[in-house]
PDB file of N, CA and C in Angstrom:
ATOM      1  N   MET A   1       0.848  -1.175   0.000  1.00  0.00           N
ATOM      2  CA  MET A   1       0.000   0.000   0.000  1.00  0.00           C
ATOM      3  C   MET A   1       0.895   1.240   0.000  1.00  0.00           C
ATOM      4  N   PRO A   2       0.690   2.176  -0.927  1.00  0.00           N
ATOM      5  CA  PRO A   2       1.531   3.370  -0.984  1.00  0.00           C
ATOM      6  C   PRO A   2       1.254   4.300   0.178  1.00  0.00           C
ATOM      7  N   ALA A   3       2.302   4.989   0.590  1.00  0.00           N
ATOM      8  CA  ALA A   3       2.149   5.938   1.698  1.00  0.00           C
ATOM      9  C   ALA A   3       1.347   7.140   1.246  1.00  0.00           C
ATOM     10  N   ARG A   4       0.531   7.658   2.185  1.00  0.00           N
ATOM     11  CA  ARG A   4      -0.263   8.848   1.864  1.00  0.00           C
ATOM     12  C   ARG A   4       0.620  10.075   1.873  1.00  0.00           C
ATOM     13  N   LYS A   5       0.359  10.936   0.962  1.00  0.00           N
ATOM     14  CA  LYS A   5       1.101  12.174   0.863  1.00  0.00           C
ATOM     15  C   LYS A   5       0.521  13.180   1.842  1.00  0.00           C
ATOM     16  N   LYS A   6       1.367  13.780   2.653  1.00  0.00           N
ATOM     17  CA  LYS A   6       0.892  14.789   3.582  1.00  0.00           C
ATOM     18  C   LYS A   6       0.625  16.083   2.838  1.00  0.00           C
ATOM     19  N   SER A   7      -0.518  16.672   3.148  1.00  0.00           N
ATOM     20  CA  SER A   7      -0.826  17.962   2.537  1.00  0.00           C
ATOM     21  C   SER A   7      -0.334  19.063   3.465  1.00  0.00           C
ATOM     22  N   PRO A   8       0.018  20.211   2.921  1.00  0.00           N
ATOM     23  CA  PRO A   8       0.453  21.309   3.761  1.00  0.00           C
ATOM     24  C   PRO A   8      -0.666  21.734   4.702  1.00  0.00           C
ATOM     25  N   PRO A   9      -0.319  22.298   5.873  1.00  0.00           N
ATOM     26  CA  PRO A   9      -1.336  22.625   6.861  1.00  0.00           C
ATOM     27  C   PRO A   9      -2.412  23.573   6.365  1.00  0.00           C
ATOM     28  N   GLY A  10      -2.125  24.450   5.430  1.00  0.00           N
ATOM     29  CA  GLY A  10      -3.112  25.385   4.940  1.00  0.00           C
ATOM     30  C   GLY A  10      -4.003  24.808   3.863  1.00  0.00           C
ATOM     31  N   ASP A  11      -3.797  23.551   3.506  1.00  0.00           N
ATOM     32  CA  ASP A  11      -4.515  22.954   2.389  1.00  0.00           C
ATOM     33  C   ASP A  11      -5.366  21.784   2.871  1.00  0.00           C
ATOM     34  N   LEU A  12      -6.180  21.995   3.914  1.00  0.00           N
ATOM     35  CA  LEU A  12      -6.954  20.909   4.487  1.00  0.00           C
ATOM     36  C   LEU A  12      -8.152  20.526   3.643  1.00  0.00           C
ATOM     37  N   ALA A  13      -9.017  21.451   3.351  1.00  0.00           N
ATOM     38  CA  ALA A  13     -10.225  21.139   2.589  1.00  0.00           C
ATOM     39  C   ALA A  13     -10.123  21.820   1.233  1.00  0.00           C
ATOM     40  N   GLY A  14      -9.231  21.316   0.398  1.00  0.00           N
ATOM     41  CA  GLY A  14      -9.039  21.949  -0.898  1.00  0.00           C
ATOM     42  C   GLY A  14      -8.161  23.181  -0.749  1.00  0.00           C
ATOM     43  N   ASP A  15      -8.784  24.355  -0.782  1.00  0.00           N
ATOM     44  CA  ASP A  15      -8.040  25.602  -0.728  1.00  0.00           C
ATOM     45  C   ASP A  15      -8.284  26.345   0.586  1.00  0.00           C
ATOM     46  N   SER A  16      -8.939  25.716   1.548  1.00  0.00           N
ATOM     47  CA  SER A  16      -9.284  26.379   2.802  1.00  0.00           C
ATOM     48  C   SER A  16      -8.164  26.230   3.832  1.00  0.00           C
ATOM     49  N   PRO A  17      -7.600  27.359   4.278  1.00  0.00           N
ATOM     50  CA  PRO A  17      -6.549  27.289   5.295  1.00  0.00           C
ATOM     51  C   PRO A  17      -7.146  26.990   6.671  1.00  0.00           C
ATOM     52  N   THR A  18      -6.311  26.580   7.580  1.00  0.00           N
ATOM     53  CA  THR A  18      -6.773  26.391   8.949  1.00  0.00           C
ATOM     54  C   THR A  18      -7.161  27.745   9.517  1.00  0.00           C
ATOM     55  N   PHE A  19      -7.874  27.727  10.628  1.00  0.00           N
ATOM     56  CA  PHE A  19      -8.294  28.985  11.261  1.00  0.00           C
ATOM     57  C   PHE A  19      -7.084  29.839  11.609  1.00  0.00           C
ATOM     58  N   GLU A  20      -6.090  29.221  12.193  1.00  0.00           N
ATOM     59  CA  GLU A  20      -4.910  29.961  12.635  1.00  0.00           C
ATOM     60  C   GLU A  20      -4.171  30.604  11.463  1.00  0.00           C
ATOM     61  N   LEU A  21      -4.006  29.832  10.374  1.00  0.00           N
ATOM     62  CA  LEU A  21      -3.329  30.382   9.193  1.00  0.00           C
ATOM     63  C   LEU A  21      -4.145  31.498   8.547  1.00  0.00           C
ATOM     64  N   ALA A  22      -5.454  31.307   8.476  1.00  0.00           N
ATOM     65  CA  ALA A  22      -6.315  32.333   7.879  1.00  0.00           C
ATOM     66  C   ALA A  22      -6.283  33.604   8.713  1.00  0.00           C
ATOM     67  N   LEU A  23      -6.317  33.467  10.022  1.00  0.00           N
ATOM     68  CA  LEU A  23      -6.286  34.634  10.902  1.00  0.00           C
ATOM     69  C   LEU A  23      -4.949  35.362  10.799  1.00  0.00           C
ATOM     70  N   ALA A  24      -3.853  34.610  10.777  1.00  0.00           N
ATOM     71  CA  ALA A  24      -2.525  35.229  10.661  1.00  0.00           C
ATOM     72  C   ALA A  24      -2.393  35.986   9.337  1.00  0.00           C
ATOM     73  N   GLU A  25      -2.867  35.374   8.250  1.00  0.00           N
ATOM     74  CA  GLU A  25      -2.777  36.037   6.956  1.00  0.00           C
ATOM     75  C   GLU A  25      -3.678  37.271   6.913  1.00  0.00           C
ATOM     76  N   LEU A  26      -4.847  37.165   7.520  1.00  0.00           N
ATOM     77  CA  LEU A  26      -5.759  38.309   7.578  1.00  0.00           C
ATOM     78  C   LEU A  26      -5.125  39.467   8.354  1.00  0.00           C
ATOM     79  N   GLU A  27      -4.469  39.159   9.460  1.00  0.00           N
ATOM     80  CA  GLU A  27      -3.787  40.196  10.243  1.00  0.00           C
ATOM     81  C   GLU A  27      -2.670  40.854   9.439  1.00  0.00           C
ATOM     82  N   GLU A  28      -1.938  40.057   8.654  1.00  0.00           N
ATOM     83  CA  GLU A  28      -0.883  40.610   7.803  1.00  0.00           C
ATOM     84  C   GLU A  28      -1.465  41.548   6.743  1.00  0.00           C
ATOM     85  N   ILE A  29      -2.573  41.144   6.151  1.00  0.00           N
ATOM     86  CA  ILE A  29      -3.211  41.968   5.129  1.00  0.00           C
ATOM     87  C   ILE A  29      -3.675  43.299   5.728  1.00  0.00           C
ATOM     88  N   VAL A  30      -4.312  43.238   6.893  1.00  0.00           N
ATOM     89  CA  VAL A  30      -4.792  44.459   7.541  1.00  0.00           C
ATOM     90  C   VAL A  30      -3.623  45.382   7.872  1.00  0.00           C
ATOM     91  N   ALA A  31      -2.554  44.818   8.425  1.00  0.00           N
ATOM     92  CA  ALA A  31      -1.385  45.635   8.772  1.00  0.00           C
ATOM     93  C   ALA A  31      -0.790  46.283   7.522  1.00  0.00           C
ATOM     94  N   ALA A  32      -0.676  45.531   6.444  1.00  0.00           N
ATOM     95  CA  ALA A  32      -0.107  46.069   5.212  1.00  0.00           C
ATOM     96  C   ALA A  32      -0.991  47.173   4.644  1.00  0.00           C
ATOM     97  N   MET A  33      -2.298  46.970   4.700  1.00  0.00           N
ATOM     98  CA  MET A  33      -3.213  47.980   4.165  1.00  0.00           C
ATOM     99  C   MET A  33      -3.191  49.256   5.008  1.00  0.00           C
ATOM    100  N   GLU A  34      -2.979  49.112   6.306  1.00  0.00           N
ATOM    101  CA  GLU A  34      -2.959  50.284   7.186  1.00  0.00           C
ATOM    102  C   GLU A  34      -1.637  51.042   7.110  1.00  0.00           C
ATOM    103  N   GLU A  35      -0.525  50.316   6.961  1.00  0.00           N
ATOM    104  CA  GLU A  35       0.795  50.933   7.082  1.00  0.00           C
ATOM    105  C   GLU A  35       1.447  51.312   5.752  1.00  0.00           C
ATOM    106  N   GLU A  36       1.167  50.568   4.715  1.00  0.00           N
ATOM    107  CA  GLU A  36       1.875  50.781   3.450  1.00  0.00           C
ATOM    108  C   GLU A  36       1.070  51.664   2.502  1.00  0.00           C
ATOM    109  N   GLN A  37       1.779  52.355   1.646  1.00  0.00           N
ATOM    110  CA  GLN A  37       1.165  53.124   0.564  1.00  0.00           C
ATOM    111  C   GLN A  37       1.062  52.202  -0.644  1.00  0.00           C
ATOM    112  N   LEU A  38      -0.093  51.610  -0.838  1.00  0.00           N
ATOM    113  CA  LEU A  38      -0.282  50.640  -1.909  1.00  0.00           C
ATOM    114  C   LEU A  38      -1.135  51.238  -3.025  1.00  0.00           C
ATOM    115  N   PRO A  39      -0.888  50.797  -4.248  1.00  0.00           N
ATOM    116  CA  PRO A  39      -1.749  51.246  -5.355  1.00  0.00           C
ATOM    117  C   PRO A  39      -3.174  50.725  -5.166  1.00  0.00           C
ATOM    118  N   LEU A  40      -4.100  51.419  -5.753  1.00  0.00           N
ATOM    119  CA  LEU A  40      -5.522  51.085  -5.593  1.00  0.00           C
ATOM    120  C   LEU A  40      -5.828  49.642  -5.973  1.00  0.00           C
ATOM    121  N   GLU A  41      -5.295  49.170  -7.073  1.00  0.00           N
ATOM    122  CA  GLU A  41      -5.569  47.795  -7.522  1.00  0.00           C
ATOM    123  C   GLU A  41      -5.100  46.775  -6.489  1.00  0.00           C
ATOM    124  N   GLU A  42      -3.947  47.008  -5.905  1.00  0.00           N
ATOM    125  CA  GLU A  42      -3.433  46.079  -4.901  1.00  0.00           C
ATOM    126  C   GLU A  42      -4.275  46.145  -3.629  1.00  0.00           C
ATOM    127  N   LEU A  43      -4.717  47.341  -3.249  1.00  0.00           N
ATOM    128  CA  LEU A  43      -5.600  47.481  -2.085  1.00  0.00           C
ATOM    129  C   LEU A  43      -6.891  46.696  -2.287  1.00  0.00           C
ATOM    130  N   VAL A  44      -7.459  46.798  -3.475  1.00  0.00           N
ATOM    131  CA  VAL A  44      -8.703  46.078  -3.772  1.00  0.00           C
ATOM    132  C   VAL A  44      -8.460  44.566  -3.751  1.00  0.00           C
ATOM    133  N   ALA A  45      -7.352  44.131  -4.327  1.00  0.00           N
ATOM    134  CA  ALA A  45      -7.030  42.696  -4.342  1.00  0.00           C
ATOM    135  C   ALA A  45      -6.837  42.168  -2.920  1.00  0.00           C
ATOM    136  N   ARG A  46      -6.139  42.941  -2.092  1.00  0.00           N
ATOM    137  CA  ARG A  46      -5.929  42.507  -0.700  1.00  0.00           C
ATOM    138  C   ARG A  46      -7.238  42.530   0.088  1.00  0.00           C
ATOM    139  N   TYR A  47      -8.074  43.514  -0.186  1.00  0.00           N
ATOM    140  CA  TYR A  47      -9.375  43.578   0.477  1.00  0.00           C
ATOM    141  C   TYR A  47     -10.208  42.346   0.126  1.00  0.00           C
ATOM    142  N   GLU A  48     -10.186  41.974  -1.152  1.00  0.00           N
ATOM    143  CA  GLU A  48     -10.929  40.795  -1.596  1.00  0.00           C
ATOM    144  C   GLU A  48     -10.407  39.532  -0.909  1.00  0.00           C
ATOM    145  N   LYS A  49      -9.097  39.380  -0.857  1.00  0.00           N
ATOM    146  CA  LYS A  49      -8.488  38.218  -0.188  1.00  0.00           C
ATOM    147  C   LYS A  49      -8.834  38.223   1.301  1.00  0.00           C
ATOM    148  N   GLY A  50      -8.760  39.413   1.921  1.00  0.00           N
ATOM    149  CA  GLY A  50      -9.098  39.538   3.338  1.00  0.00           C
ATOM    150  C   GLY A  50     -10.547  39.185   3.617  1.00  0.00           C
ATOM    151  N   SER A  51     -11.445  39.548   2.727  1.00  0.00           N
ATOM    152  CA  SER A  51     -12.861  39.217   2.887  1.00  0.00           C
ATOM    153  C   SER A  51     -13.076  37.706   2.870  1.00  0.00           C
ATOM    154  N   LYS A  52     -12.368  37.034   1.972  1.00  0.00           N
ATOM    155  CA  LYS A  52     -12.477  35.573   1.901  1.00  0.00           C
ATOM    156  C   LYS A  52     -11.915  34.922   3.172  1.00  0.00           C
ATOM    157  N   LEU A  53     -10.791  35.443   3.651  1.00  0.00           N
ATOM    158  CA  LEU A  53     -10.202  34.898   4.875  1.00  0.00           C
ATOM    159  C   LEU A  53     -11.111  35.152   6.080  1.00  0.00           C
ATOM    160  N   LEU A  54     -11.717  36.326   6.125  1.00  0.00           N
ATOM    161  CA  LEU A  54     -12.641  36.645   7.214  1.00  0.00           C
ATOM    162  C   LEU A  54     -13.841  35.701   7.199  1.00  0.00           C
ATOM    163  N   ALA A  55     -14.375  35.442   6.022  1.00  0.00           N
ATOM    164  CA  ALA A  55     -15.499  34.512   5.904  1.00  0.00           C
ATOM    165  C   ALA A  55     -15.096  33.118   6.377  1.00  0.00           C
ATOM    166  N   ARG A  56     -13.884  32.697   6.044  1.00  0.00           N
ATOM    167  CA  ARG A  56     -13.381  31.385   6.486  1.00  0.00           C
ATOM    168  C   ARG A  56     -13.290  31.338   8.007  1.00  0.00           C
ATOM    169  N   CYS A  57     -12.714  32.395   8.613  1.00  0.00           N
ATOM    170  CA  CYS A  57     -12.581  32.446  10.072  1.00  0.00           C
ATOM    171  C   CYS A  57     -13.949  32.428  10.749  1.00  0.00           C
ATOM    172  N   GLU A  58     -14.892  33.205  10.235  1.00  0.00           N
ATOM    173  CA  GLU A  58     -16.236  33.238  10.822  1.00  0.00           C
ATOM    174  C   GLU A  58     -16.927  31.893  10.697  1.00  0.00           C
ATOM    175  N   SER A  59     -16.706  31.210   9.577  1.00  0.00           N
ATOM    176  CA  SER A  59     -17.298  29.891   9.377  1.00  0.00           C
ATOM    177  C   SER A  59     -16.746  28.875  10.380  1.00  0.00           C
ATOM    178  N   VAL A  60     -15.436  28.898  10.564  1.00  0.00           N
ATOM    179  CA  VAL A  60     -14.811  27.971  11.516  1.00  0.00           C
ATOM    180  C   VAL A  60     -15.281  28.277  12.940  1.00  0.00           C
ATOM    181  N   LEU A  61     -15.365  29.562  13.289  1.00  0.00           N
ATOM    182  CA  LEU A  61     -15.827  29.945  14.627  1.00  0.00           C
ATOM    183  C   LEU A  61     -17.285  29.541  14.853  1.00  0.00           C
ATOM    184  N   ALA A  62     -18.134  29.728  13.851  1.00  0.00           N
ATOM    185  CA  ALA A  62     -19.538  29.330  13.979  1.00  0.00           C
ATOM    186  C   ALA A  62     -19.661  27.823  14.168  1.00  0.00           C
ATOM    187  N   SER A  63     -18.859  27.079  13.440  1.00  0.00           N
ATOM    188  CA  SER A  63     -18.873  25.619  13.576  1.00  0.00           C
ATOM    189  C   SER A  63     -18.403  25.204  14.968  1.00  0.00           C
ATOM    190  N   ALA A  64     -17.339  25.834  15.446  1.00  0.00           N
ATOM    191  CA  ALA A  64     -16.832  25.508  16.785  1.00  0.00           C
ATOM    192  C   ALA A  64     -17.856  25.872  17.855  1.00  0.00           C
ATOM    193  N   ARG A  65     -18.511  27.011  17.704  1.00  0.00           N
ATOM    194  CA  ARG A  65     -19.532  27.437  18.666  1.00  0.00           C
ATOM    195  C   ARG A  65     -20.676  26.431  18.708  1.00  0.00           C
ATOM    196  N   LYS A  66     -21.100  25.965  17.536  1.00  0.00           N
ATOM    197  CA  LYS A  66     -22.190  24.990  17.463  1.00  0.00           C
ATOM    198  C   LYS A  66     -21.785  23.681  18.140  1.00  0.00           C
ATOM    199  N   ARG A  67     -20.559  23.249  17.916  1.00  0.00           N
ATOM    200  CA  ARG A  67     -20.070  22.018  18.549  1.00  0.00           C
ATOM    201  C   ARG A  67     -20.032  22.159  20.063  1.00  0.00           C
ATOM    202  N   LEU A  68     -19.562  23.315  20.551  1.00  0.00           N
ATOM    203  CA  LEU A  68     -19.500  23.546  21.996  1.00  0.00           C
ATOM    204  C   LEU A  68     -20.893  23.573  22.616  1.00  0.00           C
ATOM    205  N   GLN A  69     -21.854  24.168  21.920  1.00  0.00           N
ATOM    206  CA  GLN A  69     -23.224  24.181  22.422  1.00  0.00           C
ATOM    207  C   GLN A  69     -23.802  22.768  22.474  1.00  0.00           C
ATOM    208  N   THR A  70     -23.491  21.966  21.475  1.00  0.00           N
ATOM    209  CA  THR A  70     -23.950  20.578  21.463  1.00  0.00           C
ATOM    210  C   THR A  70     -23.347  19.795  22.623  1.00  0.00           C
ATOM    211  N   ILE A  71     -22.048  20.000  22.858  1.00  0.00           N
ATOM    212  CA  ILE A  71     -21.380  19.315  23.960  1.00  0.00           C
ATOM    213  C   ILE A  71     -21.975  19.754  25.284  1.00  0.00           C
ATOM    214  N   SER A  72     -22.193  21.048  25.460  1.00  0.00           N
ATOM    215  CA  SER A  72     -22.764  21.571  26.701  1.00  0.00           C
ATOM    216  C   SER A  72     -24.171  21.041  26.926  1.00  0.00           C
ATOM    217  N   ALA A  73     -24.966  21.009  25.871  1.00  0.00           N
ATOM    218  CA  ALA A  73     -26.340  20.522  25.992  1.00  0.00           C
ATOM    219  C   ALA A  73     -26.361  19.045  26.378  1.00  0.00           C
ATOM    220  N   SER A  74     -25.473  18.247  25.802  1.00  0.00           N
ATOM    221  CA  SER A  74     -25.458  16.827  26.136  1.00  0.00           C
ATOM    222  C   SER A  74     -24.940  16.603  27.555  1.00  0.00           C
ATOM    223  N   THR A  75     -24.023  17.454  28.001  1.00  0.00           N
ATOM    224  CA  THR A  75     -23.522  17.352  29.376  1.00  0.00           C
ATOM    225  C   THR A  75     -24.616  17.693  30.374  1.00  0.00           C
ATOM    226  N   VAL A  76     -25.379  18.740  30.089  1.00  0.00           N
ATOM    227  CA  VAL A  76     -26.479  19.134  30.967  1.00  0.00           C
ATOM    228  C   VAL A  76     -27.547  18.055  30.969  1.00  0.00           C
ATOM    229  N   ALA A  77     -27.839  17.492  29.810  1.00  0.00           N
ATOM    230  CA  ALA A  77     -28.852  16.442  29.724  1.00  0.00           C
ATOM    231  C   ALA A  77     -28.437  15.212  30.528  1.00  0.00           C
ATOM    232  N   GLN A  78     -27.153  14.903  30.539  1.00  0.00           N
ATOM    233  CA  GLN A  78     -26.683  13.759  31.318  1.00  0.00           C
ATOM    234  C   GLN A  78     -26.717  14.066  32.810  1.00  0.00           C
ATOM    235  N   ALA A  79     -26.442  15.315  33.180  1.00  0.00           N
ATOM    236  CA  ALA A  79     -26.424  15.689  34.591  1.00  0.00           C
ATOM    237  C   ALA A  79     -27.830  15.706  35.175  1.00  0.00           C
ATOM    238  N   VAL A  80     -28.828  16.067  34.391  1.00  0.00           N
ATOM    239  CA  VAL A  80     -30.211  16.116  34.849  1.00  0.00           C
ATOM    240  C   VAL A  80     -30.964  14.996  34.166  1.00  0.00           C
ATOM    241  N   ASP A  81     -30.943  13.836  34.782  1.00  0.00           N
ATOM    242  CA  ASP A  81     -31.596  12.666  34.227  1.00  0.00           C
ATOM    243  C   ASP A  81     -32.991  12.562  34.833  1.00  0.00           C
ATOM    244  N   PRO A  82     -34.063  12.717  34.061  1.00  0.00           N
ATOM    245  CA  PRO A  82     -35.409  12.679  34.612  1.00  0.00           C
ATOM    246  C   PRO A  82     -35.779  11.320  35.203  1.00  0.00           C
ATOM    247  N   ASP A  83     -35.081  10.265  34.841  1.00  0.00           N
ATOM    248  CA  ASP A  83     -35.373   8.940  35.382  1.00  0.00           C
ATOM    249  C   ASP A  83     -34.765   8.726  36.754  1.00  0.00           C
ATOM    250  N   ASP A  84     -33.891   9.621  37.188  1.00  0.00           N
ATOM    251  CA  ASP A  84     -33.221   9.497  38.476  1.00  0.00           C
ATOM    252  C   ASP A  84     -34.136  10.023  39.568  1.00  0.00           C
ATOM    253  N   GLU A  85     -34.603   9.133  40.440  1.00  0.00           N
ATOM    254  CA  GLU A  85     -35.559   9.523  41.472  1.00  0.00           C
ATOM    255  C   GLU A  85     -34.922  10.302  42.606  1.00  0.00           C
ATOM    256  N   ASP A  86     -33.604  10.245  42.776  1.00  0.00           N
ATOM    257  CA  ASP A  86     -32.942  10.961  43.858  1.00  0.00           C
ATOM    258  C   ASP A  86     -32.975  12.467  43.656  1.00  0.00           C
ATOM    259  N   ASP A  87     -33.107  12.940  42.435  1.00  0.00           N
ATOM    260  CA  ASP A  87     -33.120  14.365  42.151  1.00  0.00           C
ATOM    261  C   ASP A  87     -34.462  15.017  42.462  1.00  0.00           C
ATOM    262  N   VAL A  88     -35.528  14.213  42.555  1.00  0.00           N
ATOM    263  CA  VAL A  88     -36.852  14.758  42.790  1.00  0.00           C
ATOM    264  C   VAL A  88     -37.105  14.815  44.290  1.00  0.00           C
ATOM    265  N   PRO A  89     -37.354  16.023  44.844  1.00  0.00           N
ATOM    266  CA  PRO A  89     -37.606  16.118  46.280  1.00  0.00           C
ATOM    267  C   PRO A  89     -38.957  15.506  46.624  1.00  0.00           C
ATOM    268  N   ASP A  90     -39.010  14.818  47.770  1.00  0.00           N
ATOM    269  CA  ASP A  90     -40.280  14.247  48.185  1.00  0.00           C
ATOM    270  C   ASP A  90     -41.052  15.250  49.032  1.00  0.00           C
ATOM    271  N   GLU A  91     -42.238  14.867  49.481  1.00  0.00           N
ATOM    272  CA  GLU A  91     -43.102  15.795  50.206  1.00  0.00           C
ATOM    273  C   GLU A  91     -42.474  16.254  51.515  1.00  0.00           C
ATOM    274  N   ASP A  92     -41.757  15.372  52.214  1.00  0.00           N
ATOM    275  CA  ASP A  92     -41.124  15.748  53.476  1.00  0.00           C
ATOM    276  C   ASP A  92     -40.063  16.815  53.266  1.00  0.00           C
ATOM    277  N   ASP A  93     -39.287  16.695  52.186  1.00  0.00           N
ATOM    278  CA  ASP A  93     -38.257  17.690  51.894  1.00  0.00           C
ATOM    279  C   ASP A  93     -38.874  19.053  51.653  1.00  0.00           C
ATOM    280  N   GLN A  94     -39.965  19.118  50.924  1.00  0.00           N
ATOM    281  CA  GLN A  94     -40.581  20.395  50.605  1.00  0.00           C
ATOM    282  C   GLN A  94     -41.310  20.979  51.803  1.00  0.00           C
ATOM    283  N   ALA A  95     -41.842  20.165  52.682  1.00  0.00           N
ATOM    284  CA  ALA A  95     -42.553  20.670  53.862  1.00  0.00           C
ATOM    285  C   ALA A  95     -41.589  21.312  54.843  1.00  0.00           C
ATOM    286  N   ASN A  96     -40.335  20.864  54.900  1.00  0.00           N
ATOM    287  CA  ASN A  96     -39.361  21.396  55.839  1.00  0.00           C
ATOM    288  C   ASN A  96     -38.600  22.597  55.307  1.00  0.00           C
ATOM    289  N   ARG A  97     -38.849  22.992  54.092  1.00  0.00           N
ATOM    290  CA  ARG A  97     -38.126  24.118  53.503  1.00  0.00           C
ATOM    291  C   ARG A  97     -38.975  25.372  53.536  1.00  0.00           C
ATOM    292  N   SER A  98     -38.274  26.501  53.677  1.00  0.00           N
ATOM    293  CA  SER A  98     -38.966  27.781  53.583  1.00  0.00           C
ATOM    294  C   SER A  98     -39.116  28.124  52.116  1.00  0.00           C
ATOM    295  N   PRO A  99     -39.959  29.100  51.767  1.00  0.00           N
ATOM    296  CA  PRO A  99     -40.192  29.423  50.361  1.00  0.00           C
ATOM    297  C   PRO A  99     -38.932  29.809  49.609  1.00  0.00           C
ATOM    298  N   GLY A 100     -37.919  30.358  50.258  1.00  0.00           N
ATOM    299  CA  GLY A 100     -36.701  30.774  49.581  1.00  0.00           C
ATOM    300  C   GLY A 100     -35.764  29.628  49.294  1.00  0.00           C
ATOM    301  N   GLY A 101     -36.091  28.427  49.739  1.00  0.00           N
ATOM    302  CA  GLY A 101     -35.232  27.297  49.480  1.00  0.00           C
ATOM    303  C   GLY A 101     -34.149  27.127  50.538  1.00  0.00           C
ATOM    304  N   THR A 102     -34.131  27.962  51.576  1.00  0.00           N
ATOM    305  CA  THR A 102     -33.159  27.849  52.655  1.00  0.00           C
ATOM    306  C   THR A 102     -33.872  27.357  53.897  1.00  0.00           C
ATOM    307  N   PRO A 103     -33.151  26.788  54.851  1.00  0.00           N
ATOM    308  CA  PRO A 103     -33.799  26.320  56.069  1.00  0.00           C
ATOM    309  C   PRO A 103     -34.457  27.481  56.804  1.00  0.00           C
ATOM    310  N   ASP A 104     -35.597  27.189  57.399  1.00  0.00           N
ATOM    311  CA  ASP A 104     -36.349  28.204  58.123  1.00  0.00           C
ATOM    312  C   ASP A 104     -35.584  28.610  59.381  1.00  0.00           C
ATOM    313  N   ASP A 105     -35.661  29.884  59.762  1.00  0.00           N
ATOM    314  CA  ASP A 105     -34.967  30.369  60.950  1.00  0.00           C
ATOM    315  C   ASP A 105     -35.551  29.778  62.228  1.00  0.00           C
ATOM    316  N   HIS A 106     -36.772  29.298  62.180  1.00  0.00           N
ATOM    317  CA  HIS A 106     -37.433  28.766  63.373  1.00  0.00           C
ATOM    318  C   HIS A 106     -37.510  27.256  63.340  1.00  0.00           C
ATOM    319  N   ASP A 107     -36.460  26.601  62.896  1.00  0.00           N
ATOM    320  CA  ASP A 107     -36.420  25.143  62.907  1.00  0.00           C
ATOM    321  C   ASP A 107     -36.431  24.644  64.342  1.00  0.00           C
ATOM    322  N   ASP A 108     -36.917  23.426  64.509  1.00  0.00           N
ATOM    323  CA  ASP A 108     -36.956  22.825  65.834  1.00  0.00           C
ATOM    324  C   ASP A 108     -35.572  22.464  66.351  1.00  0.00           C
ATOM    325  N   ASP A 109     -34.631  22.186  65.443  1.00  0.00           N
ATOM    326  CA  ASP A 109     -33.313  21.795  65.905  1.00  0.00           C
ATOM    327  C   ASP A 109     -32.491  23.042  66.245  1.00  0.00           C
ATOM    328  N   ASP A 110     -31.558  22.883  67.160  1.00  0.00           N
ATOM    329  CA  ASP A 110     -30.767  24.000  67.622  1.00  0.00           C
ATOM    330  C   ASP A 110     -29.380  24.014  67.009  1.00  0.00           C
ATOM    331  N   ASP A 111     -29.196  23.404  65.861  1.00  0.00           N
ATOM    332  CA  ASP A 111     -27.887  23.401  65.208  1.00  0.00           C
ATOM    333  C   ASP A 111     -27.513  24.794  64.764  1.00  0.00           C
ATOM    334  N   ILE A 112     -26.248  25.055  64.780  1.00  0.00           N
ATOM    335  CA  ILE A 112     -25.759  26.335  64.304  1.00  0.00           C
ATOM    336  C   ILE A 112     -25.731  26.300  62.785  1.00  0.00           C
ATOM    337  N   ARG A 113     -26.293  27.294  62.161  1.00  0.00           N
ATOM    338  CA  ARG A 113     -26.352  27.373  60.705  1.00  0.00           C
ATOM    339  C   ARG A 113     -25.329  28.387  60.233  1.00  0.00           C
ATOM    340  N   LEU A 114     -24.418  27.940  59.373  1.00  0.00           N
ATOM    341  CA  LEU A 114     -23.403  28.838  58.843  1.00  0.00           C
ATOM    342  C   LEU A 114     -23.870  29.514  57.565  1.00  0.00           C
ATOM    343  N   PHE A 115     -24.751  28.860  56.827  1.00  0.00           N
ATOM    344  CA  PHE A 115     -25.211  29.439  55.557  1.00  0.00           C
ATOM    345  C   PHE A 115     -26.696  29.414  55.491  1.00  0.00           C
TER     346      PHE A 115
END
């Protein structure tokens, strides 16, 4: 079996650079446009390239955000399992609680309450 050829890091999905490479190149373009005296045609060409890089970065960030939300949602769903009976307070638990969810100041027990 022939060995697979490694592609350069900026050539992952055809012509799409990684987020880091796209961001670095975008920063270089912005710096050059701000600092250098460039002809109009070159400014337009760099602006066009920068727009494409910005779209790539926003796409990668949106995808990462969606993945993180999915991970967070699945973690929360696992933490709050509706089939787990220990999470549901019974009638005795609710009868001994004050409306604010903290122990009542006039409890029958004389324990010292720190919180």
